[in-house]
């Protein structure tokens, strides 16, 4: 009739909670009796050890013009040029 305390990363605690009956059943099968009858979940917050992705490289203005020149539709070309200018000069 023991209690098992488990630390679960954020985002997985709900899934783990739904799996409790299966886990308890499998542990009882493994031990041959109900050694564990209750599971206590401690939610933890783990900081990722991987560094954040590098910011995307900005395309020089001359390259944006070359890219949009190949578009036949004038309205689409202007819209894309406007978007490129907006992205190259973001608001602060």
C-alpha atoms as a PDB file:
ATOM      1  CA  UNK A   1       0.000   0.000   0.000  1.00  0.00           C
ATOM      2  CA  UNK A   2       2.876   2.399  -0.694  1.00  0.00           C
ATOM      3  CA  UNK A   3       2.900   5.781  -2.372  1.00  0.00           C
ATOM      4  CA  UNK A   4       5.158   6.584  -5.311  1.00  0.00           C
ATOM      5  CA  UNK A   5       6.156  10.236  -5.756  1.00  0.00           C
ATOM      6  CA  UNK A   6       7.231  11.179  -9.267  1.00  0.00           C
ATOM      7  CA  UNK A   7       8.466  14.516 -10.656  1.00  0.00           C
ATOM      8  CA  UNK A   8       7.024  15.167 -14.113  1.00  0.00           C
ATOM      9  CA  UNK A   9       8.050  17.953 -16.509  1.00  0.00           C
ATOM     10  CA  UNK A  10       5.523  20.617 -17.408  1.00  0.00           C
ATOM     11  CA  UNK A  11       3.262  19.520 -20.214  1.00  0.00           C
ATOM     12  CA  UNK A  12       3.358  15.836 -19.314  1.00  0.00           C
ATOM     13  CA  UNK A  13       1.620  15.810 -15.938  1.00  0.00           C
ATOM     14  CA  UNK A  14      -1.897  15.511 -17.357  1.00  0.00           C
ATOM     15  CA  UNK A  15      -0.888  12.641 -19.622  1.00  0.00           C
ATOM     16  CA  UNK A  16       0.877  10.943 -16.723  1.00  0.00           C
ATOM     17  CA  UNK A  17      -2.191  11.401 -14.541  1.00  0.00           C
ATOM     18  CA  UNK A  18      -4.328   9.573 -17.110  1.00  0.00           C
ATOM     19  CA  UNK A  19      -1.771   6.740 -17.246  1.00  0.00           C
ATOM     20  CA  UNK A  20      -1.807   6.129 -13.468  1.00  0.00           C
ATOM     21  CA  UNK A  21      -4.121   3.089 -13.540  1.00  0.00           C
ATOM     22  CA  UNK A  22      -1.980   1.383 -16.169  1.00  0.00           C
ATOM     23  CA  UNK A  23       1.230   2.153 -14.260  1.00  0.00           C
ATOM     24  CA  UNK A  24      -0.219   0.880 -10.982  1.00  0.00           C
ATOM     25  CA  UNK A  25      -1.413  -2.315 -12.674  1.00  0.00           C
ATOM     26  CA  UNK A  26       1.966  -2.968 -14.296  1.00  0.00           C
ATOM     27  CA  UNK A  27       3.807  -2.360 -11.015  1.00  0.00           C
ATOM     28  CA  UNK A  28       1.505  -4.792  -9.232  1.00  0.00           C
ATOM     29  CA  UNK A  29       2.198  -7.369 -11.951  1.00  0.00           C
ATOM     30  CA  UNK A  30       5.948  -6.780 -11.639  1.00  0.00           C
ATOM     31  CA  UNK A  31       6.039  -7.065  -7.828  1.00  0.00           C
ATOM     32  CA  UNK A  32       3.363  -9.757  -7.623  1.00  0.00           C
ATOM     33  CA  UNK A  33       1.240  -7.702  -5.225  1.00  0.00           C
ATOM     34  CA  UNK A  34       0.028  -4.110  -4.842  1.00  0.00           C
ATOM     35  CA  UNK A  35       3.248  -2.609  -3.495  1.00  0.00           C
ATOM     36  CA  UNK A  36       2.200   0.800  -4.830  1.00  0.00           C
ATOM     37  CA  UNK A  37      -1.438   1.881  -4.498  1.00  0.00           C
ATOM     38  CA  UNK A  38      -1.093   5.620  -5.014  1.00  0.00           C
ATOM     39  CA  UNK A  39       1.001   7.920  -7.205  1.00  0.00           C
ATOM     40  CA  UNK A  40       1.711  11.545  -6.265  1.00  0.00           C
ATOM     41  CA  UNK A  41       2.723  13.787  -9.156  1.00  0.00           C
ATOM     42  CA  UNK A  42       5.075  16.714  -8.533  1.00  0.00           C
ATOM     43  CA  UNK A  43       5.058  19.088 -11.479  1.00  0.00           C
ATOM     44  CA  UNK A  44       8.474  20.495 -12.277  1.00  0.00           C
ATOM     45  CA  UNK A  45       9.747  23.129 -14.628  1.00  0.00           C
ATOM     46  CA  UNK A  46      12.849  22.101 -16.517  1.00  0.00           C
ATOM     47  CA  UNK A  47      14.903  24.735 -18.297  1.00  0.00           C
ATOM     48  CA  UNK A  48      16.048  23.503 -21.671  1.00  0.00           C
ATOM     49  CA  UNK A  49      19.802  23.004 -21.901  1.00  0.00           C
ATOM     50  CA  UNK A  50      19.783  23.648 -25.631  1.00  0.00           C
ATOM     51  CA  UNK A  51      20.523  27.241 -26.611  1.00  0.00           C
ATOM     52  CA  UNK A  52      17.795  29.217 -28.367  1.00  0.00           C
ATOM     53  CA  UNK A  53      17.988  29.164 -32.164  1.00  0.00           C
ATOM     54  CA  UNK A  54      20.075  31.851 -33.791  1.00  0.00           C
ATOM     55  CA  UNK A  55      18.088  34.748 -35.235  1.00  0.00           C
ATOM     56  CA  UNK A  56      17.373  34.499 -38.936  1.00  0.00           C
ATOM     57  CA  UNK A  57      19.817  36.285 -41.176  1.00  0.00           C
ATOM     58  CA  UNK A  58      18.434  39.383 -42.848  1.00  0.00           C
ATOM     59  CA  UNK A  59      18.386  39.369 -46.618  1.00  0.00           C
ATOM     60  CA  UNK A  60      20.169  42.428 -48.044  1.00  0.00           C
ATOM     61  CA  UNK A  61      17.883  44.905 -49.845  1.00  0.00           C
ATOM     62  CA  UNK A  62      19.481  44.204 -53.225  1.00  0.00           C
ATOM     63  CA  UNK A  63      18.511  40.516 -52.965  1.00  0.00           C
ATOM     64  CA  UNK A  64      14.879  41.285 -52.177  1.00  0.00           C
ATOM     65  CA  UNK A  65      14.560  43.345 -55.342  1.00  0.00           C
ATOM     66  CA  UNK A  66      16.025  40.531 -57.437  1.00  0.00           C
ATOM     67  CA  UNK A  67      13.635  38.033 -55.893  1.00  0.00           C
ATOM     68  CA  UNK A  68      10.535  40.156 -56.559  1.00  0.00           C
ATOM     69  CA  UNK A  69      11.551  41.110 -60.115  1.00  0.00           C
ATOM     70  CA  UNK A  70      10.879  37.545 -61.247  1.00  0.00           C
ATOM     71  CA  UNK A  71       7.162  37.846 -60.287  1.00  0.00           C
ATOM     72  CA  UNK A  72       4.933  38.678 -63.268  1.00  0.00           C
ATOM     73  CA  UNK A  73       1.896  39.787 -61.246  1.00  0.00           C
ATOM     74  CA  UNK A  74       2.499  43.495 -60.516  1.00  0.00           C
ATOM     75  CA  UNK A  75       0.137  43.657 -57.538  1.00  0.00           C
ATOM     76  CA  UNK A  76       1.713  40.606 -55.902  1.00  0.00           C
ATOM     77  CA  UNK A  77       5.221  41.956 -56.602  1.00  0.00           C
ATOM     78  CA  UNK A  78       4.363  45.297 -54.935  1.00  0.00           C
ATOM     79  CA  UNK A  79       2.802  43.560 -51.938  1.00  0.00           C
ATOM     80  CA  UNK A  80       5.894  41.394 -51.465  1.00  0.00           C
ATOM     81  CA  UNK A  81       8.215  44.391 -51.813  1.00  0.00           C
ATOM     82  CA  UNK A  82       6.159  46.254 -49.215  1.00  0.00           C
ATOM     83  CA  UNK A  83       6.327  43.258 -46.891  1.00  0.00           C
ATOM     84  CA  UNK A  84      10.104  42.997 -47.384  1.00  0.00           C
ATOM     85  CA  UNK A  85      10.543  46.689 -46.535  1.00  0.00           C
ATOM     86  CA  UNK A  86       8.380  46.329 -43.429  1.00  0.00           C
ATOM     87  CA  UNK A  87      10.374  43.324 -42.253  1.00  0.00           C
ATOM     88  CA  UNK A  88      13.700  45.049 -42.855  1.00  0.00           C
ATOM     89  CA  UNK A  89      12.620  48.059 -40.775  1.00  0.00           C
ATOM     90  CA  UNK A  90      10.630  46.619 -37.840  1.00  0.00           C
ATOM     91  CA  UNK A  91       8.968  48.923 -35.346  1.00  0.00           C
ATOM     92  CA  UNK A  92      10.714  49.279 -32.022  1.00  0.00           C
END
